[in-house]
Structure formats: structure tokens, C-alpha cells
Amino acid sequence: MPTDDIEERLLDVRDLEPPEPLERVLAEMETLGRRQRIRMLHRRDPYMLYPILEREHFAHETSITDDGEFHILIWRK
């Protein structure tokens, strides 16, 4: 799939307290289309999210910035 056809949604949850980041990303995932991705910005590693992504047939890539922020890219498998 050409990457220029993909729409990326930004979800910045860095200033939210648990469980709101998880609730927000789960709500976004429900409406995610095949040519869309979510880029979630988080101040912590959302380790509880990963099993949910797997169970719901989503893929993800997690990277950590130099200042310790987590960027999680989420898309449908």
C-alpha cells in the first residue's frame, strides 16, 4: 500500500491521566479505516494497550524520542 494514500490521525494523550489515554485510543480504533493510522503521543509506555491491539487485529510500532516520549503508530492488520 503506497504510504501517500494513508491518512494519519494524531492522538496526543501526554497530558492525560490513566485510564483516559487508553479510553481515547480505544474509541479512535473503533472508527479507524483501512487507509488510516493513529499516531499516539504518550509520556509512558502503554503496555496494557499492546495485548488489546493484538486481540483486536491491529498492528503497532512504538518508538521513543530522545526526550522520553512514546510514539505509537497503530493500524489495522
PDB file of N, CA and C in Angstrom:
ATOM      1  N   MET A   1       0.852  -1.175   0.000  1.00  0.00           N
ATOM      2  CA  MET A   1       0.000   0.000   0.000  1.00  0.00           C
ATOM      3  C   MET A   1       0.899   1.241   0.000  1.00  0.00           C
ATOM      4  N   PRO A   2       0.758   2.136  -0.989  1.00  0.00           N
ATOM      5  CA  PRO A   2       1.569   3.349  -1.011  1.00  0.00           C
ATOM      6  C   PRO A   2       1.309   4.199   0.225  1.00  0.00           C
ATOM      7  N   THR A   3       2.370   4.700   0.826  1.00  0.00           N
ATOM      8  CA  THR A   3       2.219   5.459   2.072  1.00  0.00           C
ATOM      9  C   THR A   3       1.554   6.804   1.868  1.00  0.00           C
ATOM     10  N   ASP A   4       1.578   7.355   0.629  1.00  0.00           N
ATOM     11  CA  ASP A   4       0.930   8.642   0.419  1.00  0.00           C
ATOM     12  C   ASP A   4      -0.592   8.534   0.412  1.00  0.00           C
ATOM     13  N   ASP A   5      -1.127   7.321   0.368  1.00  0.00           N
ATOM     14  CA  ASP A   5      -2.572   7.096   0.426  1.00  0.00           C
ATOM     15  C   ASP A   5      -3.082   6.939   1.860  1.00  0.00           C
ATOM     16  N   ILE A   6      -2.191   7.009   2.835  1.00  0.00           N
ATOM     17  CA  ILE A   6      -2.573   6.740   4.216  1.00  0.00           C
ATOM     18  C   ILE A   6      -2.788   8.045   4.976  1.00  0.00           C
ATOM     19  N   GLU A   7      -3.934   8.117   5.626  1.00  0.00           N
ATOM     20  CA  GLU A   7      -4.253   9.266   6.480  1.00  0.00           C
ATOM     21  C   GLU A   7      -3.806   8.940   7.894  1.00  0.00           C
ATOM     22  N   GLU A   8      -3.098   9.872   8.503  1.00  0.00           N
ATOM     23  CA  GLU A   8      -2.635   9.650   9.867  1.00  0.00           C
ATOM     24  C   GLU A   8      -3.398  10.577  10.810  1.00  0.00           C
ATOM     25  N   ARG A   9      -3.980   9.998  11.848  1.00  0.00           N
ATOM     26  CA  ARG A   9      -4.675  10.756  12.885  1.00  0.00           C
ATOM     27  C   ARG A   9      -3.727  10.924  14.069  1.00  0.00           C
ATOM     28  N   LEU A  10      -3.604  12.131  14.562  1.00  0.00           N
ATOM     29  CA  LEU A  10      -2.755  12.404  15.709  1.00  0.00           C
ATOM     30  C   LEU A  10      -3.596  12.363  16.975  1.00  0.00           C
ATOM     31  N   LEU A  11      -3.149  11.592  17.945  1.00  0.00           N
ATOM     32  CA  LEU A  11      -3.826  11.482  19.232  1.00  0.00           C
ATOM     33  C   LEU A  11      -2.798  11.769  20.323  1.00  0.00           C
ATOM     34  N   ASP A  12      -2.835  12.978  20.850  1.00  0.00           N
ATOM     35  CA  ASP A  12      -1.871  13.414  21.865  1.00  0.00           C
ATOM     36  C   ASP A  12      -2.498  13.228  23.239  1.00  0.00           C
ATOM     37  N   VAL A  13      -2.010  12.229  23.973  1.00  0.00           N
ATOM     38  CA  VAL A  13      -2.547  11.930  25.303  1.00  0.00           C
ATOM     39  C   VAL A  13      -1.516  12.180  26.400  1.00  0.00           C
ATOM     40  N   ARG A  14      -0.476  12.914  26.068  1.00  0.00           N
ATOM     41  CA  ARG A  14       0.632  13.125  27.011  1.00  0.00           C
ATOM     42  C   ARG A  14       0.205  13.797  28.313  1.00  0.00           C
ATOM     43  N   ASP A  15      -0.814  14.625  28.266  1.00  0.00           N
ATOM     44  CA  ASP A  15      -1.221  15.356  29.470  1.00  0.00           C
ATOM     45  C   ASP A  15      -2.401  14.727  30.204  1.00  0.00           C
ATOM     46  N   LEU A  16      -2.820  13.541  29.766  1.00  0.00           N
ATOM     47  CA  LEU A  16      -3.970  12.884  30.382  1.00  0.00           C
ATOM     48  C   LEU A  16      -3.532  11.860  31.421  1.00  0.00           C
ATOM     49  N   GLU A  17      -4.357  11.670  32.418  1.00  0.00           N
ATOM     50  CA  GLU A  17      -4.095  10.678  33.456  1.00  0.00           C
ATOM     51  C   GLU A  17      -4.837   9.381  33.125  1.00  0.00           C
ATOM     52  N   PRO A  18      -4.277   8.244  33.553  1.00  0.00           N
ATOM     53  CA  PRO A  18      -4.948   6.957  33.331  1.00  0.00           C
ATOM     54  C   PRO A  18      -6.313   6.951  34.012  1.00  0.00           C
ATOM     55  N   PRO A  19      -7.270   6.317  33.404  1.00  0.00           N
ATOM     56  CA  PRO A  19      -7.241   5.467  32.210  1.00  0.00           C
ATOM     57  C   PRO A  19      -7.619   6.201  30.931  1.00  0.00           C
ATOM     58  N   GLU A  20      -7.660   7.545  30.964  1.00  0.00           N
ATOM     59  CA  GLU A  20      -8.149   8.296  29.810  1.00  0.00           C
ATOM     60  C   GLU A  20      -7.351   8.052  28.520  1.00  0.00           C
ATOM     61  N   PRO A  21      -6.015   7.949  28.537  1.00  0.00           N
ATOM     62  CA  PRO A  21      -5.314   7.660  27.281  1.00  0.00           C
ATOM     63  C   PRO A  21      -5.780   6.354  26.625  1.00  0.00           C
ATOM     64  N   LEU A  22      -5.951   5.310  27.425  1.00  0.00           N
ATOM     65  CA  LEU A  22      -6.414   4.031  26.889  1.00  0.00           C
ATOM     66  C   LEU A  22      -7.844   4.156  26.354  1.00  0.00           C
ATOM     67  N   GLU A  23      -8.706   4.825  27.083  1.00  0.00           N
ATOM     68  CA  GLU A  23     -10.082   5.012  26.636  1.00  0.00           C
ATOM     69  C   GLU A  23     -10.141   5.782  25.328  1.00  0.00           C
ATOM     70  N   ARG A  24      -9.321   6.808  25.200  1.00  0.00           N
ATOM     71  CA  ARG A  24      -9.316   7.625  23.979  1.00  0.00           C
ATOM     72  C   ARG A  24      -8.844   6.828  22.771  1.00  0.00           C
ATOM     73  N   VAL A  25      -7.758   6.071  22.930  1.00  0.00           N
ATOM     74  CA  VAL A  25      -7.251   5.332  21.777  1.00  0.00           C
ATOM     75  C   VAL A  25      -8.203   4.213  21.387  1.00  0.00           C
ATOM     76  N   LEU A  26      -8.851   3.577  22.334  1.00  0.00           N
ATOM     77  CA  LEU A  26      -9.823   2.529  22.001  1.00  0.00           C
ATOM     78  C   LEU A  26     -10.998   3.112  21.219  1.00  0.00           C
ATOM     79  N   ALA A  27     -11.441   4.302  21.581  1.00  0.00           N
ATOM     80  CA  ALA A  27     -12.526   4.953  20.850  1.00  0.00           C
ATOM     81  C   ALA A  27     -12.086   5.301  19.426  1.00  0.00           C
ATOM     82  N   GLU A  28     -10.865   5.772  19.263  1.00  0.00           N
ATOM     83  CA  GLU A  28     -10.341   6.087  17.930  1.00  0.00           C
ATOM     84  C   GLU A  28     -10.219   4.830  17.078  1.00  0.00           C
ATOM     85  N   MET A  29      -9.811   3.737  17.683  1.00  0.00           N
ATOM     86  CA  MET A  29      -9.628   2.491  16.946  1.00  0.00           C
ATOM     87  C   MET A  29     -10.937   1.998  16.341  1.00  0.00           C
ATOM     88  N   GLU A  30     -12.043   2.235  17.018  1.00  0.00           N
ATOM     89  CA  GLU A  30     -13.346   1.775  16.530  1.00  0.00           C
ATOM     90  C   GLU A  30     -13.711   2.372  15.180  1.00  0.00           C
ATOM     91  N   THR A  31     -13.228   3.561  14.881  1.00  0.00           N
ATOM     92  CA  THR A  31     -13.598   4.245  13.643  1.00  0.00           C
ATOM     93  C   THR A  31     -12.463   4.256  12.620  1.00  0.00           C
ATOM     94  N   LEU A  32     -11.396   3.533  12.885  1.00  0.00           N
ATOM     95  CA  LEU A  32     -10.222   3.556  12.012  1.00  0.00           C
ATOM     96  C   LEU A  32     -10.464   2.735  10.748  1.00  0.00           C
ATOM     97  N   GLY A  33     -10.254   3.376   9.604  1.00  0.00           N
ATOM     98  CA  GLY A  33     -10.408   2.705   8.320  1.00  0.00           C
ATOM     99  C   GLY A  33      -9.120   2.024   7.881  1.00  0.00           C
ATOM    100  N   ARG A  34      -9.185   1.274   6.799  1.00  0.00           N
ATOM    101  CA  ARG A  34      -8.033   0.528   6.276  1.00  0.00           C
ATOM    102  C   ARG A  34      -6.880   1.422   5.854  1.00  0.00           C
ATOM    103  N   ARG A  35      -7.158   2.602   5.390  1.00  0.00           N
ATOM    104  CA  ARG A  35      -6.111   3.508   4.919  1.00  0.00           C
ATOM    105  C   ARG A  35      -5.849   4.628   5.930  1.00  0.00           C
ATOM    106  N   GLN A  36      -6.062   4.318   7.186  1.00  0.00           N
ATOM    107  CA  GLN A  36      -5.829   5.286   8.253  1.00  0.00           C
ATOM    108  C   GLN A  36      -4.949   4.666   9.324  1.00  0.00           C
ATOM    109  N   ARG A  37      -4.205   5.524   9.980  1.00  0.00           N
ATOM    110  CA  ARG A  37      -3.376   5.131  11.117  1.00  0.00           C
ATOM    111  C   ARG A  37      -3.559   6.135  12.231  1.00  0.00           C
ATOM    112  N   ILE A  38      -3.296   5.689  13.423  1.00  0.00           N
ATOM    113  CA  ILE A  38      -3.302   6.574  14.588  1.00  0.00           C
ATOM    114  C   ILE A  38      -1.859   6.724  15.041  1.00  0.00           C
ATOM    115  N   ARG A  39      -1.430   7.951  15.237  1.00  0.00           N
ATOM    116  CA  ARG A  39      -0.135   8.207  15.870  1.00  0.00           C
ATOM    117  C   ARG A  39      -0.433   8.760  17.252  1.00  0.00           C
ATOM    118  N   MET A  40      -0.213   7.929  18.259  1.00  0.00           N
ATOM    119  CA  MET A  40      -0.498   8.303  19.641  1.00  0.00           C
ATOM    120  C   MET A  40       0.787   8.787  20.299  1.00  0.00           C
ATOM    121  N   LEU A  41       0.727   9.977  20.890  1.00  0.00           N
ATOM    122  CA  LEU A  41       1.853  10.536  21.632  1.00  0.00           C
ATOM    123  C   LEU A  41       1.551  10.362  23.116  1.00  0.00           C
ATOM    124  N   HIS A  42       2.467   9.713  23.811  1.00  0.00           N
ATOM    125  CA  HIS A  42       2.223   9.360  25.216  1.00  0.00           C
ATOM    126  C   HIS A  42       3.496   9.606  26.017  1.00  0.00           C
ATOM    127  N   ARG A  43       3.349   9.919  27.277  1.00  0.00           N
ATOM    128  CA  ARG A  43       4.537  10.127  28.117  1.00  0.00           C
ATOM    129  C   ARG A  43       5.007   8.824  28.779  1.00  0.00           C
ATOM    130  N   ARG A  44       4.213   7.771  28.662  1.00  0.00           N
ATOM    131  CA  ARG A  44       4.547   6.457  29.228  1.00  0.00           C
ATOM    132  C   ARG A  44       4.389   5.380  28.162  1.00  0.00           C
ATOM    133  N   ASP A  45       4.973   4.231  28.411  1.00  0.00           N
ATOM    134  CA  ASP A  45       4.782   3.085  27.528  1.00  0.00           C
ATOM    135  C   ASP A  45       3.423   2.471  27.859  1.00  0.00           C
ATOM    136  N   PRO A  46       2.474   2.496  26.921  1.00  0.00           N
ATOM    137  CA  PRO A  46       1.134   1.977  27.205  1.00  0.00           C
ATOM    138  C   PRO A  46       1.085   0.451  27.072  1.00  0.00           C
ATOM    139  N   TYR A  47       1.809  -0.223  27.938  1.00  0.00           N
ATOM    140  CA  TYR A  47       1.970  -1.676  27.850  1.00  0.00           C
ATOM    141  C   TYR A  47       0.644  -2.433  27.938  1.00  0.00           C
ATOM    142  N   MET A  48      -0.372  -1.848  28.583  1.00  0.00           N
ATOM    143  CA  MET A  48      -1.676  -2.521  28.659  1.00  0.00           C
ATOM    144  C   MET A  48      -2.421  -2.478  27.323  1.00  0.00           C
ATOM    145  N   LEU A  49      -2.016  -1.566  26.443  1.00  0.00           N
ATOM    146  CA  LEU A  49      -2.651  -1.435  25.138  1.00  0.00           C
ATOM    147  C   LEU A  49      -2.242  -2.557  24.181  1.00  0.00           C
ATOM    148  N   TYR A  50      -1.014  -3.013  24.253  1.00  0.00           N
ATOM    149  CA  TYR A  50      -0.485  -3.958  23.259  1.00  0.00           C
ATOM    150  C   TYR A  50      -1.272  -5.268  23.149  1.00  0.00           C
ATOM    151  N   PRO A  51      -1.648  -5.912  24.243  1.00  0.00           N
ATOM    152  CA  PRO A  51      -2.457  -7.131  24.106  1.00  0.00           C
ATOM    153  C   PRO A  51      -3.837  -6.863  23.494  1.00  0.00           C
ATOM    154  N   ILE A  52      -4.382  -5.691  23.773  1.00  0.00           N
ATOM    155  CA  ILE A  52      -5.677  -5.332  23.192  1.00  0.00           C
ATOM    156  C   ILE A  52      -5.530  -5.169  21.682  1.00  0.00           C
ATOM    157  N   LEU A  53      -4.459  -4.513  21.261  1.00  0.00           N
ATOM    158  CA  LEU A  53      -4.218  -4.348  19.827  1.00  0.00           C
ATOM    159  C   LEU A  53      -4.120  -5.704  19.140  1.00  0.00           C
ATOM    160  N   GLU A  54      -3.397  -6.609  19.725  1.00  0.00           N
ATOM    161  CA  GLU A  54      -3.240  -7.944  19.141  1.00  0.00           C
ATOM    162  C   GLU A  54      -4.586  -8.675  19.066  1.00  0.00           C
ATOM    163  N   ARG A  55      -5.321  -8.629  20.143  1.00  0.00           N
ATOM    164  CA  ARG A  55      -6.619  -9.318  20.194  1.00  0.00           C
ATOM    165  C   ARG A  55      -7.603  -8.754  19.165  1.00  0.00           C
ATOM    166  N   GLU A  56      -7.536  -7.443  18.933  1.00  0.00           N
ATOM    167  CA  GLU A  56      -8.476  -6.778  18.025  1.00  0.00           C
ATOM    168  C   GLU A  56      -7.931  -6.690  16.591  1.00  0.00           C
ATOM    169  N   HIS A  57      -6.820  -7.354  16.315  1.00  0.00           N
ATOM    170  CA  HIS A  57      -6.230  -7.431  14.970  1.00  0.00           C
ATOM    171  C   HIS A  57      -5.693  -6.096  14.471  1.00  0.00           C
ATOM    172  N   PHE A  58      -4.991  -5.398  15.353  1.00  0.00           N
ATOM    173  CA  PHE A  58      -4.293  -4.176  14.990  1.00  0.00           C
ATOM    174  C   PHE A  58      -2.794  -4.423  15.111  1.00  0.00           C
ATOM    175  N   ALA A  59      -2.040  -3.735  14.287  1.00  0.00           N
ATOM    176  CA  ALA A  59      -0.581  -3.772  14.367  1.00  0.00           C
ATOM    177  C   ALA A  59      -0.111  -2.450  14.966  1.00  0.00           C
ATOM    178  N   HIS A  60       1.130  -2.435  15.428  1.00  0.00           N
ATOM    179  CA  HIS A  60       1.663  -1.197  16.005  1.00  0.00           C
ATOM    180  C   HIS A  60       3.179  -1.168  15.900  1.00  0.00           C
ATOM    181  N   GLU A  61       3.716   0.040  15.937  1.00  0.00           N
ATOM    182  CA  GLU A  61       5.147   0.284  16.063  1.00  0.00           C
ATOM    183  C   GLU A  61       5.310   1.323  17.150  1.00  0.00           C
ATOM    184  N   THR A  62       6.213   1.066  18.070  1.00  0.00           N
ATOM    185  CA  THR A  62       6.461   2.004  19.155  1.00  0.00           C
ATOM    186  C   THR A  62       7.881   2.516  19.052  1.00  0.00           C
ATOM    187  N   SER A  63       8.044   3.821  19.171  1.00  0.00           N
ATOM    188  CA  SER A  63       9.378   4.423  19.212  1.00  0.00           C
ATOM    189  C   SER A  63       9.418   5.385  20.389  1.00  0.00           C
ATOM    190  N   ILE A  64      10.633   5.624  20.859  1.00  0.00           N
ATOM    191  CA  ILE A  64      10.834   6.525  21.990  1.00  0.00           C
ATOM    192  C   ILE A  64      11.713   7.677  21.509  1.00  0.00           C
ATOM    193  N   THR A  65      11.273   8.897  21.752  1.00  0.00           N
ATOM    194  CA  THR A  65      12.049  10.061  21.350  1.00  0.00           C
ATOM    195  C   THR A  65      13.207  10.273  22.322  1.00  0.00           C
ATOM    196  N   ASP A  66      14.116  11.145  21.953  1.00  0.00           N
ATOM    197  CA  ASP A  66      15.266  11.450  22.818  1.00  0.00           C
ATOM    198  C   ASP A  66      14.851  12.029  24.166  1.00  0.00           C
ATOM    199  N   ASP A  67      13.695  12.680  24.205  1.00  0.00           N
ATOM    200  CA  ASP A  67      13.233  13.244  25.477  1.00  0.00           C
ATOM    201  C   ASP A  67      12.285  12.309  26.235  1.00  0.00           C
ATOM    202  N   GLY A  68      12.216  11.044  25.808  1.00  0.00           N
ATOM    203  CA  GLY A  68      11.493  10.028  26.565  1.00  0.00           C
ATOM    204  C   GLY A  68      10.019   9.884  26.260  1.00  0.00           C
ATOM    205  N   GLU A  69       9.527  10.529  25.206  1.00  0.00           N
ATOM    206  CA  GLU A  69       8.122  10.365  24.837  1.00  0.00           C
ATOM    207  C   GLU A  69       7.956   9.108  23.988  1.00  0.00           C
ATOM    208  N   PHE A  70       6.802   8.495  24.119  1.00  0.00           N
ATOM    209  CA  PHE A  70       6.478   7.308  23.332  1.00  0.00           C
ATOM    210  C   PHE A  70       5.574   7.718  22.177  1.00  0.00           C
ATOM    211  N   HIS A  71       5.933   7.282  20.985  1.00  0.00           N
ATOM    212  CA  HIS A  71       5.103   7.483  19.799  1.00  0.00           C
ATOM    213  C   HIS A  71       4.677   6.107  19.328  1.00  0.00           C
ATOM    214  N   ILE A  72       3.370   5.876  19.319  1.00  0.00           N
ATOM    215  CA  ILE A  72       2.827   4.562  18.955  1.00  0.00           C
ATOM    216  C   ILE A  72       1.997   4.739  17.691  1.00  0.00           C
ATOM    217  N   LEU A  73       2.407   4.068  16.637  1.00  0.00           N
ATOM    218  CA  LEU A  73       1.694   4.087  15.370  1.00  0.00           C
ATOM    219  C   LEU A  73       0.826   2.826  15.325  1.00  0.00           C
ATOM    220  N   ILE A  74      -0.476   3.005  15.087  1.00  0.00           N
ATOM    221  CA  ILE A  74      -1.457   1.918  15.164  1.00  0.00           C
ATOM    222  C   ILE A  74      -2.234   1.839  13.855  1.00  0.00           C
ATOM    223  N   TRP A  75      -2.394   0.629  13.315  1.00  0.00           N
ATOM    224  CA  TRP A  75      -3.180   0.428  12.096  1.00  0.00           C
ATOM    225  C   TRP A  75      -3.796  -0.956  12.106  1.00  0.00           C
ATOM    226  N   ARG A  76      -4.826  -1.135  11.281  1.00  0.00           N
ATOM    227  CA  ARG A  76      -5.481  -2.438  11.142  1.00  0.00           C
ATOM    228  C   ARG A  76      -4.572  -3.381  10.377  1.00  0.00           C
ATOM    229  N   LYS A  77      -4.540  -4.632  10.816  1.00  0.00           N
ATOM    230  CA  LYS A  77      -3.755  -5.648  10.098  1.00  0.00           C
ATOM    231  C   LYS A  77      -4.418  -5.993   8.793  1.00  0.00           C
TER     232      LYS A  77
END
